[in-house]
PDB file of N, CA and C in Angstrom:
ATOM      1  N   UNK A   1      21.819  22.623  -5.612  1.00  0.00           N
ATOM      2  CA  UNK A   1      22.370  21.408  -5.035  1.00  0.00           C
ATOM      3  C   UNK A   1      23.305  20.785  -6.059  1.00  0.00           C
ATOM      4  N   UNK A   2      24.455  20.383  -5.628  1.00  0.00           N
ATOM      5  CA  UNK A   2      25.437  19.750  -6.503  1.00  0.00           C
ATOM      6  C   UNK A   2      25.518  18.263  -6.206  1.00  0.00           C
ATOM      7  N   UNK A   3      25.688  17.496  -7.264  1.00  0.00           N
ATOM      8  CA  UNK A   3      25.833  16.043  -7.140  1.00  0.00           C
ATOM      9  C   UNK A   3      27.190  15.649  -7.678  1.00  0.00           C
ATOM     10  N   UNK A   4      27.817  14.699  -7.037  1.00  0.00           N
ATOM     11  CA  UNK A   4      29.109  14.194  -7.474  1.00  0.00           C
ATOM     12  C   UNK A   4      28.884  12.923  -8.284  1.00  0.00           C
ATOM     13  N   UNK A   5      29.285  12.922  -9.524  1.00  0.00           N
ATOM     14  CA  UNK A   5      29.170  11.741 -10.378  1.00  0.00           C
ATOM     15  C   UNK A   5      30.377  10.859 -10.119  1.00  0.00           C
ATOM     16  N   UNK A   6      30.105   9.573  -9.863  1.00  0.00           N
ATOM     17  CA  UNK A   6      31.178   8.638  -9.525  1.00  0.00           C
ATOM     18  C   UNK A   6      31.177   7.467 -10.503  1.00  0.00           C
ATOM     19  N   UNK A   7      32.326   6.863 -10.670  1.00  0.00           N
ATOM     20  CA  UNK A   7      32.498   5.707 -11.550  1.00  0.00           C
ATOM     21  C   UNK A   7      32.848   4.470 -10.741  1.00  0.00           C
ATOM     22  N   UNK A   8      32.523   3.303 -11.297  1.00  0.00           N
ATOM     23  CA  UNK A   8      32.941   2.008 -10.764  1.00  0.00           C
ATOM     24  C   UNK A   8      32.475   1.752  -9.332  1.00  0.00           C
ATOM     25  N   UNK A   9      31.277   2.190  -8.996  1.00  0.00           N
ATOM     26  CA  UNK A   9      30.688   1.890  -7.689  1.00  0.00           C
ATOM     27  C   UNK A   9      29.826   0.646  -7.886  1.00  0.00           C
ATOM     28  N   UNK A  10      30.158  -0.488  -7.242  1.00  0.00           N
ATOM     29  CA  UNK A  10      29.385  -1.712  -7.460  1.00  0.00           C
ATOM     30  C   UNK A  10      27.960  -1.599  -6.890  1.00  0.00           C
ATOM     31  N   UNK A  11      27.035  -2.215  -7.588  1.00  0.00           N
ATOM     32  CA  UNK A  11      25.646  -2.262  -7.131  1.00  0.00           C
ATOM     33  C   UNK A  11      25.511  -3.431  -6.168  1.00  0.00           C
ATOM     34  N   UNK A  12      25.028  -3.184  -4.939  1.00  0.00           N
ATOM     35  CA  UNK A  12      24.871  -4.293  -3.990  1.00  0.00           C
ATOM     36  C   UNK A  12      23.789  -5.262  -4.464  1.00  0.00           C
ATOM     37  N   UNK A  13      23.924  -6.538  -4.107  1.00  0.00           N
ATOM     38  CA  UNK A  13      22.896  -7.504  -4.510  1.00  0.00           C
ATOM     39  C   UNK A  13      21.568  -7.212  -3.812  1.00  0.00           C
ATOM     40  N   UNK A  14      20.486  -7.647  -4.458  1.00  0.00           N
ATOM     41  CA  UNK A  14      19.152  -7.504  -3.874  1.00  0.00           C
ATOM     42  C   UNK A  14      19.022  -8.491  -2.730  1.00  0.00           C
ATOM     43  N   UNK A  15      18.538  -8.018  -1.591  1.00  0.00           N
ATOM     44  CA  UNK A  15      18.352  -8.886  -0.432  1.00  0.00           C
ATOM     45  C   UNK A  15      16.957  -9.496  -0.498  1.00  0.00           C
ATOM     46  N   UNK A  16      16.857 -10.708  -0.983  1.00  0.00           N
ATOM     47  CA  UNK A  16      15.556 -11.379  -1.131  1.00  0.00           C
ATOM     48  C   UNK A  16      15.043 -11.953   0.184  1.00  0.00           C
ATOM     49  N   UNK A  17      15.840 -11.927   1.226  1.00  0.00           N
ATOM     50  CA  UNK A  17      15.450 -12.505   2.500  1.00  0.00           C
ATOM     51  C   UNK A  17      14.529 -11.624   3.323  1.00  0.00           C
ATOM     52  N   UNK A  18      14.343 -10.386   2.938  1.00  0.00           N
ATOM     53  CA  UNK A  18      13.549  -9.463   3.733  1.00  0.00           C
ATOM     54  C   UNK A  18      12.207  -9.150   3.088  1.00  0.00           C
ATOM     55  N   UNK A  19      11.599 -10.113   2.470  1.00  0.00           N
ATOM     56  CA  UNK A  19      10.293  -9.873   1.865  1.00  0.00           C
ATOM     57  C   UNK A  19       9.255  -9.632   2.938  1.00  0.00           C
ATOM     58  N   UNK A  20       8.353  -8.740   2.627  1.00  0.00           N
ATOM     59  CA  UNK A  20       7.308  -8.416   3.591  1.00  0.00           C
ATOM     60  C   UNK A  20       6.284  -9.534   3.680  1.00  0.00           C
ATOM     61  N   UNK A  21       5.858  -9.787   4.893  1.00  0.00           N
ATOM     62  CA  UNK A  21       4.754 -10.715   5.090  1.00  0.00           C
ATOM     63  C   UNK A  21       3.468  -9.914   4.941  1.00  0.00           C
ATOM     64  N   UNK A  22       2.390 -10.562   4.511  1.00  0.00           N
ATOM     65  CA  UNK A  22       1.137  -9.813   4.400  1.00  0.00           C
ATOM     66  C   UNK A  22       0.752  -9.226   5.753  1.00  0.00           C
ATOM     67  N   UNK A  23       0.443  -7.938   5.760  1.00  0.00           N
ATOM     68  CA  UNK A  23       0.031  -7.319   7.010  1.00  0.00           C
ATOM     69  C   UNK A  23      -1.490  -7.384   7.136  1.00  0.00           C
ATOM     70  N   UNK A  24      -2.014  -6.883   8.232  1.00  0.00           N
ATOM     71  CA  UNK A  24      -3.460  -6.968   8.458  1.00  0.00           C
ATOM     72  C   UNK A  24      -4.227  -6.195   7.401  1.00  0.00           C
ATOM     73  N   UNK A  25      -3.667  -5.089   6.904  1.00  0.00           N
ATOM     74  CA  UNK A  25      -4.337  -4.314   5.863  1.00  0.00           C
ATOM     75  C   UNK A  25      -4.491  -5.146   4.587  1.00  0.00           C
ATOM     76  N   UNK A  26      -3.429  -5.825   4.192  1.00  0.00           N
ATOM     77  CA  UNK A  26      -3.495  -6.668   2.996  1.00  0.00           C
ATOM     78  C   UNK A  26      -4.514  -7.790   3.163  1.00  0.00           C
ATOM     79  N   UNK A  27      -4.567  -8.361   4.358  1.00  0.00           N
ATOM     80  CA  UNK A  27      -5.516  -9.451   4.610  1.00  0.00           C
ATOM     81  C   UNK A  27      -6.962  -8.968   4.517  1.00  0.00           C
ATOM     82  N   UNK A  28      -7.238  -7.774   5.065  1.00  0.00           N
ATOM     83  CA  UNK A  28      -8.597  -7.233   4.992  1.00  0.00           C
ATOM     84  C   UNK A  28      -8.950  -6.893   3.546  1.00  0.00           C
ATOM     85  N   UNK A  29      -8.033  -6.273   2.812  1.00  0.00           N
ATOM     86  CA  UNK A  29      -8.300  -5.956   1.406  1.00  0.00           C
ATOM     87  C   UNK A  29      -8.593  -7.212   0.600  1.00  0.00           C
ATOM     88  N   UNK A  30      -7.863  -8.265   0.862  1.00  0.00           N
ATOM     89  CA  UNK A  30      -8.051  -9.513   0.126  1.00  0.00           C
ATOM     90  C   UNK A  30      -9.427 -10.123   0.409  1.00  0.00           C
ATOM     91  N   UNK A  31      -9.946  -9.931   1.625  1.00  0.00           N
ATOM     92  CA  UNK A  31     -11.238 -10.501   1.999  1.00  0.00           C
ATOM     93  C   UNK A  31     -12.420  -9.613   1.614  1.00  0.00           C
ATOM     94  N   UNK A  32     -12.155  -8.360   1.256  1.00  0.00           N
ATOM     95  CA  UNK A  32     -13.211  -7.392   0.970  1.00  0.00           C
ATOM     96  C   UNK A  32     -13.990  -7.775  -0.286  1.00  0.00           C
ATOM     97  N   UNK A  33     -15.318  -7.688  -0.209  1.00  0.00           N
ATOM     98  CA  UNK A  33     -16.185  -7.963  -1.355  1.00  0.00           C
ATOM     99  C   UNK A  33     -16.657  -6.637  -1.956  1.00  0.00           C
ATOM    100  N   UNK A  34     -17.036  -6.663  -3.234  1.00  0.00           N
ATOM    101  CA  UNK A  34     -17.509  -5.464  -3.914  1.00  0.00           C
ATOM    102  C   UNK A  34     -18.667  -4.852  -3.124  1.00  0.00           C
ATOM    103  N   UNK A  35     -18.587  -3.538  -2.887  1.00  0.00           N
ATOM    104  CA  UNK A  35     -19.611  -2.828  -2.135  1.00  0.00           C
ATOM    105  C   UNK A  35     -19.316  -2.711  -0.650  1.00  0.00           C
ATOM    106  N   UNK A  36     -18.362  -3.479  -0.147  1.00  0.00           N
ATOM    107  CA  UNK A  36     -18.004  -3.402   1.266  1.00  0.00           C
ATOM    108  C   UNK A  36     -16.938  -2.325   1.460  1.00  0.00           C
ATOM    109  N   UNK A  37     -16.862  -1.824   2.702  1.00  0.00           N
ATOM    110  CA  UNK A  37     -15.844  -0.827   3.022  1.00  0.00           C
ATOM    111  C   UNK A  37     -15.434  -0.963   4.483  1.00  0.00           C
ATOM    112  N   UNK A  38     -14.339  -0.308   4.822  1.00  0.00           N
ATOM    113  CA  UNK A  38     -13.872  -0.269   6.212  1.00  0.00           C
ATOM    114  C   UNK A  38     -13.043   0.994   6.403  1.00  0.00           C
ATOM    115  N   UNK A  39     -12.883   1.409   7.657  1.00  0.00           N
ATOM    116  CA  UNK A  39     -12.093   2.597   7.984  1.00  0.00           C
ATOM    117  C   UNK A  39     -10.753   2.159   8.557  1.00  0.00           C
ATOM    118  N   UNK A  40      -9.691   2.764   8.027  1.00  0.00           N
ATOM    119  CA  UNK A  40      -8.351   2.542   8.538  1.00  0.00           C
ATOM    120  C   UNK A  40      -7.982   3.780   9.360  1.00  0.00           C
ATOM    121  N   UNK A  41      -7.801   3.644  10.663  1.00  0.00           N
ATOM    122  CA  UNK A  41      -7.399   4.801  11.459  1.00  0.00           C
ATOM    123  C   UNK A  41      -6.007   5.284  11.047  1.00  0.00           C
ATOM    124  N   UNK A  42      -5.841   6.595  10.960  1.00  0.00           N
ATOM    125  CA  UNK A  42      -4.539   7.155  10.617  1.00  0.00           C
ATOM    126  C   UNK A  42      -3.725   7.260  11.907  1.00  0.00           C
ATOM    127  N   UNK A  43      -2.569   6.608  11.959  1.00  0.00           N
ATOM    128  CA  UNK A  43      -1.747   6.691  13.171  1.00  0.00           C
ATOM    129  C   UNK A  43      -1.353   8.137  13.479  1.00  0.00           C
ATOM    130  N   UNK A  44      -1.289   8.461  14.737  1.00  0.00           N
ATOM    131  CA  UNK A  44      -0.920   9.805  15.185  1.00  0.00           C
ATOM    132  C   UNK A  44       0.420  10.215  14.585  1.00  0.00           C
ATOM    133  N   UNK A  45       0.463  11.412  14.030  1.00  0.00           N
ATOM    134  CA  UNK A  45       1.697  11.936  13.465  1.00  0.00           C
ATOM    135  C   UNK A  45       1.990  11.466  12.050  1.00  0.00           C
ATOM    136  N   UNK A  46       1.086  10.686  11.455  1.00  0.00           N
ATOM    137  CA  UNK A  46       1.288  10.193  10.098  1.00  0.00           C
ATOM    138  C   UNK A  46       0.595  11.118   9.113  1.00  0.00           C
ATOM    139  N   UNK A  47       1.270  11.429   8.027  1.00  0.00           N
ATOM    140  CA  UNK A  47       0.693  12.233   6.965  1.00  0.00           C
ATOM    141  C   UNK A  47      -0.394  11.413   6.267  1.00  0.00           C
ATOM    142  N   UNK A  48      -1.637  11.927   6.179  1.00  0.00           N
ATOM    143  CA  UNK A  48      -2.719  11.159   5.543  1.00  0.00           C
ATOM    144  C   UNK A  48      -2.400  10.732   4.113  1.00  0.00           C
ATOM    145  N   UNK A  49      -1.747  11.588   3.347  1.00  0.00           N
ATOM    146  CA  UNK A  49      -1.406  11.232   1.972  1.00  0.00           C
ATOM    147  C   UNK A  49      -0.419  10.067   1.943  1.00  0.00           C
ATOM    148  N   UNK A  50       0.568  10.102   2.817  1.00  0.00           N
ATOM    149  CA  UNK A  50       1.539   8.999   2.877  1.00  0.00           C
ATOM    150  C   UNK A  50       0.842   7.706   3.280  1.00  0.00           C
ATOM    151  N   UNK A  51      -0.123   7.807   4.175  1.00  0.00           N
ATOM    152  CA  UNK A  51      -0.840   6.606   4.608  1.00  0.00           C
ATOM    153  C   UNK A  51      -1.714   6.064   3.477  1.00  0.00           C
ATOM    154  N   UNK A  52      -2.327   6.947   2.695  1.00  0.00           N
ATOM    155  CA  UNK A  52      -3.105   6.501   1.530  1.00  0.00           C
ATOM    156  C   UNK A  52      -2.205   5.787   0.530  1.00  0.00           C
ATOM    157  N   UNK A  53      -0.968   6.248   0.408  1.00  0.00           N
ATOM    158  CA  UNK A  53      -0.017   5.575  -0.476  1.00  0.00           C
ATOM    159  C   UNK A  53       0.268   4.158   0.003  1.00  0.00           C
ATOM    160  N   UNK A  54       0.321   3.950   1.314  1.00  0.00           N
ATOM    161  CA  UNK A  54       0.519   2.604   1.855  1.00  0.00           C
ATOM    162  C   UNK A  54      -0.667   1.703   1.504  1.00  0.00           C
ATOM    163  N   UNK A  55      -1.871   2.264   1.562  1.00  0.00           N
ATOM    164  CA  UNK A  55      -3.063   1.506   1.179  1.00  0.00           C
ATOM    165  C   UNK A  55      -2.986   1.149  -0.304  1.00  0.00           C
ATOM    166  N   UNK A  56      -2.564   2.105  -1.124  1.00  0.00           N
ATOM    167  CA  UNK A  56      -2.413   1.845  -2.560  1.00  0.00           C
ATOM    168  C   UNK A  56      -1.392   0.760  -2.849  1.00  0.00           C
ATOM    169  N   UNK A  57      -0.305   0.748  -2.077  1.00  0.00           N
ATOM    170  CA  UNK A  57       0.710  -0.294  -2.244  1.00  0.00           C
ATOM    171  C   UNK A  57       0.121  -1.669  -1.909  1.00  0.00           C
ATOM    172  N   UNK A  58      -0.624  -1.734  -0.811  1.00  0.00           N
ATOM    173  CA  UNK A  58      -1.254  -3.001  -0.428  1.00  0.00           C
ATOM    174  C   UNK A  58      -2.223  -3.457  -1.515  1.00  0.00           C
ATOM    175  N   UNK A  59      -2.953  -2.516  -2.115  1.00  0.00           N
ATOM    176  CA  UNK A  59      -3.878  -2.847  -3.204  1.00  0.00           C
ATOM    177  C   UNK A  59      -3.131  -3.446  -4.389  1.00  0.00           C
ATOM    178  N   UNK A  60      -1.991  -2.859  -4.718  1.00  0.00           N
ATOM    179  CA  UNK A  60      -1.197  -3.362  -5.847  1.00  0.00           C
ATOM    180  C   UNK A  60      -0.749  -4.795  -5.606  1.00  0.00           C
ATOM    181  N   UNK A  61      -0.320  -5.089  -4.394  1.00  0.00           N
ATOM    182  CA  UNK A  61       0.110  -6.447  -4.048  1.00  0.00           C
ATOM    183  C   UNK A  61      -1.056  -7.424  -4.218  1.00  0.00           C
ATOM    184  N   UNK A  62      -2.231  -7.063  -3.695  1.00  0.00           N
ATOM    185  CA  UNK A  62      -3.406  -7.929  -3.801  1.00  0.00           C
ATOM    186  C   UNK A  62      -3.797  -8.119  -5.262  1.00  0.00           C
ATOM    187  N   UNK A  63      -3.804  -7.042  -6.032  1.00  0.00           N
ATOM    188  CA  UNK A  63      -4.214  -7.121  -7.440  1.00  0.00           C
ATOM    189  C   UNK A  63      -3.313  -8.068  -8.229  1.00  0.00           C
ATOM    190  N   UNK A  64      -2.011  -8.010  -7.994  1.00  0.00           N
ATOM    191  CA  UNK A  64      -1.091  -8.911  -8.700  1.00  0.00           C
ATOM    192  C   UNK A  64      -1.268 -10.349  -8.246  1.00  0.00           C
ATOM    193  N   UNK A  65      -1.572 -10.532  -6.978  1.00  0.00           N
ATOM    194  CA  UNK A  65      -1.774 -11.880  -6.446  1.00  0.00           C
ATOM    195  C   UNK A  65      -3.041 -12.512  -7.019  1.00  0.00           C
ATOM    196  N   UNK A  66      -4.112 -11.722  -7.103  1.00  0.00           N
ATOM    197  CA  UNK A  66      -5.412 -12.240  -7.530  1.00  0.00           C
ATOM    198  C   UNK A  66      -5.535 -12.369  -9.039  1.00  0.00           C
ATOM    199  N   UNK A  67      -4.841 -11.514  -9.775  1.00  0.00           N
ATOM    200  CA  UNK A  67      -4.888 -11.496 -11.237  1.00  0.00           C
ATOM    201  C   UNK A  67      -6.317 -11.292 -11.754  1.00  0.00           C
ATOM    202  N   UNK A  68      -7.058 -10.402 -11.095  1.00  0.00           N
ATOM    203  CA  UNK A  68      -8.380 -10.030 -11.602  1.00  0.00           C
ATOM    204  C   UNK A  68      -8.455  -8.504 -11.635  1.00  0.00           C
ATOM    205  N   UNK A  69      -9.651  -7.966 -11.813  1.00  0.00           N
ATOM    206  CA  UNK A  69      -9.781  -6.518 -11.916  1.00  0.00           C
ATOM    207  C   UNK A  69     -10.090  -5.866 -10.559  1.00  0.00           C
ATOM    208  N   UNK A  70      -9.514  -6.387  -9.500  1.00  0.00           N
ATOM    209  CA  UNK A  70      -9.677  -5.865  -8.147  1.00  0.00           C
ATOM    210  C   UNK A  70      -9.396  -4.363  -8.131  1.00  0.00           C
ATOM    211  N   UNK A  71     -10.314  -3.600  -7.559  1.00  0.00           N
ATOM    212  CA  UNK A  71     -10.139  -2.153  -7.503  1.00  0.00           C
ATOM    213  C   UNK A  71     -10.755  -1.599  -6.224  1.00  0.00           C
ATOM    214  N   UNK A  72     -10.102  -0.585  -5.667  1.00  0.00           N
ATOM    215  CA  UNK A  72     -10.625   0.086  -4.479  1.00  0.00           C
ATOM    216  C   UNK A  72     -10.577   1.593  -4.707  1.00  0.00           C
ATOM    217  N   UNK A  73     -11.294   2.321  -3.870  1.00  0.00           N
ATOM    218  CA  UNK A  73     -11.178   3.772  -3.823  1.00  0.00           C
ATOM    219  C   UNK A  73     -11.123   4.173  -2.358  1.00  0.00           C
ATOM    220  N   UNK A  74     -10.483   5.302  -2.070  1.00  0.00           N
ATOM    221  CA  UNK A  74     -10.330   5.742  -0.684  1.00  0.00           C
ATOM    222  C   UNK A  74     -10.774   7.191  -0.555  1.00  0.00           C
ATOM    223  N   UNK A  75     -11.257   7.529   0.630  1.00  0.00           N
ATOM    224  CA  UNK A  75     -11.600   8.907   0.974  1.00  0.00           C
ATOM    225  C   UNK A  75     -11.219   9.150   2.416  1.00  0.00           C
ATOM    226  N   UNK A  76     -10.704  10.346   2.678  1.00  0.00           N
ATOM    227  CA  UNK A  76     -10.406  10.724   4.046  1.00  0.00           C
ATOM    228  C   UNK A  76     -11.721  11.074   4.733  1.00  0.00           C
ATOM    229  N   UNK A  77     -11.999  10.437   5.875  1.00  0.00           N
ATOM    230  CA  UNK A  77     -13.220  10.651   6.650  1.00  0.00           C
ATOM    231  C   UNK A  77     -12.838  10.914   8.103  1.00  0.00           C
ATOM    232  N   UNK A  78     -13.817  11.333   8.902  1.00  0.00           N
ATOM    233  CA  UNK A  78     -13.550  11.491  10.328  1.00  0.00           C
ATOM    234  C   UNK A  78     -13.081  10.153  10.890  1.00  0.00           C
ATOM    235  N   UNK A  79     -11.968  10.165  11.535  1.00  0.00           N
ATOM    236  CA  UNK A  79     -11.458   8.951  12.157  1.00  0.00           C
ATOM    237  C   UNK A  79     -10.477   8.171  11.317  1.00  0.00           C
ATOM    238  N   UNK A  80     -10.233   8.579  10.064  1.00  0.00           N
ATOM    239  CA  UNK A  80      -9.263   7.843   9.275  1.00  0.00           C
ATOM    240  C   UNK A  80      -9.513   7.919   7.785  1.00  0.00           C
ATOM    241  N   UNK A  81      -9.212   6.827   7.111  1.00  0.00           N
ATOM    242  CA  UNK A  81      -9.405   6.716   5.666  1.00  0.00           C
ATOM    243  C   UNK A  81     -10.335   5.548   5.415  1.00  0.00           C
ATOM    244  N   UNK A  82     -11.447   5.812   4.721  1.00  0.00           N
ATOM    245  CA  UNK A  82     -12.385   4.735   4.385  1.00  0.00           C
ATOM    246  C   UNK A  82     -11.968   4.154   3.051  1.00  0.00           C
ATOM    247  N   UNK A  83     -11.974   2.831   2.985  1.00  0.00           N
ATOM    248  CA  UNK A  83     -11.593   2.084   1.793  1.00  0.00           C
ATOM    249  C   UNK A  83     -12.812   1.310   1.302  1.00  0.00           C
ATOM    250  N   UNK A  84     -13.199   1.521   0.036  1.00  0.00           N
ATOM    251  CA  UNK A  84     -14.307   0.794  -0.573  1.00  0.00           C
ATOM    252  C   UNK A  84     -13.772  -0.111  -1.676  1.00  0.00           C
ATOM    253  N   UNK A  85     -14.309  -1.309  -1.772  1.00  0.00           N
ATOM    254  CA  UNK A  85     -13.994  -2.166  -2.926  1.00  0.00           C
ATOM    255  C   UNK A  85     -15.002  -1.848  -4.008  1.00  0.00           C
ATOM    256  N   UNK A  86     -14.520  -1.491  -5.204  1.00  0.00           N
ATOM    257  CA  UNK A  86     -15.398  -1.102  -6.298  1.00  0.00           C
ATOM    258  C   UNK A  86     -15.476  -2.149  -7.411  1.00  0.00           C
ATOM    259  N   UNK A  87     -14.498  -3.012  -7.519  1.00  0.00           N
ATOM    260  CA  UNK A  87     -14.517  -4.103  -8.526  1.00  0.00           C
ATOM    261  C   UNK A  87     -13.938  -5.346  -7.906  1.00  0.00           C
TER     262      UNK A  87
END
């Protein structure tokens, strides 16, 4: 694969107006207590690994918001991905 190196291409400004609102996954993670868990159904046609990455992203957002040692672990189970709060 060949790439064309270019000069003087301006970098577009960051669009701060499109920030994500907390989704239902983030809200459930934020309410989860240590030892609790829940199953997230994997949408039809979605790669399970890609969906686990979305869960990890939501965890990162919660962890930065809370500023504590919030931690989760996930496992693929029948019916989806189970999420446990471990810290």
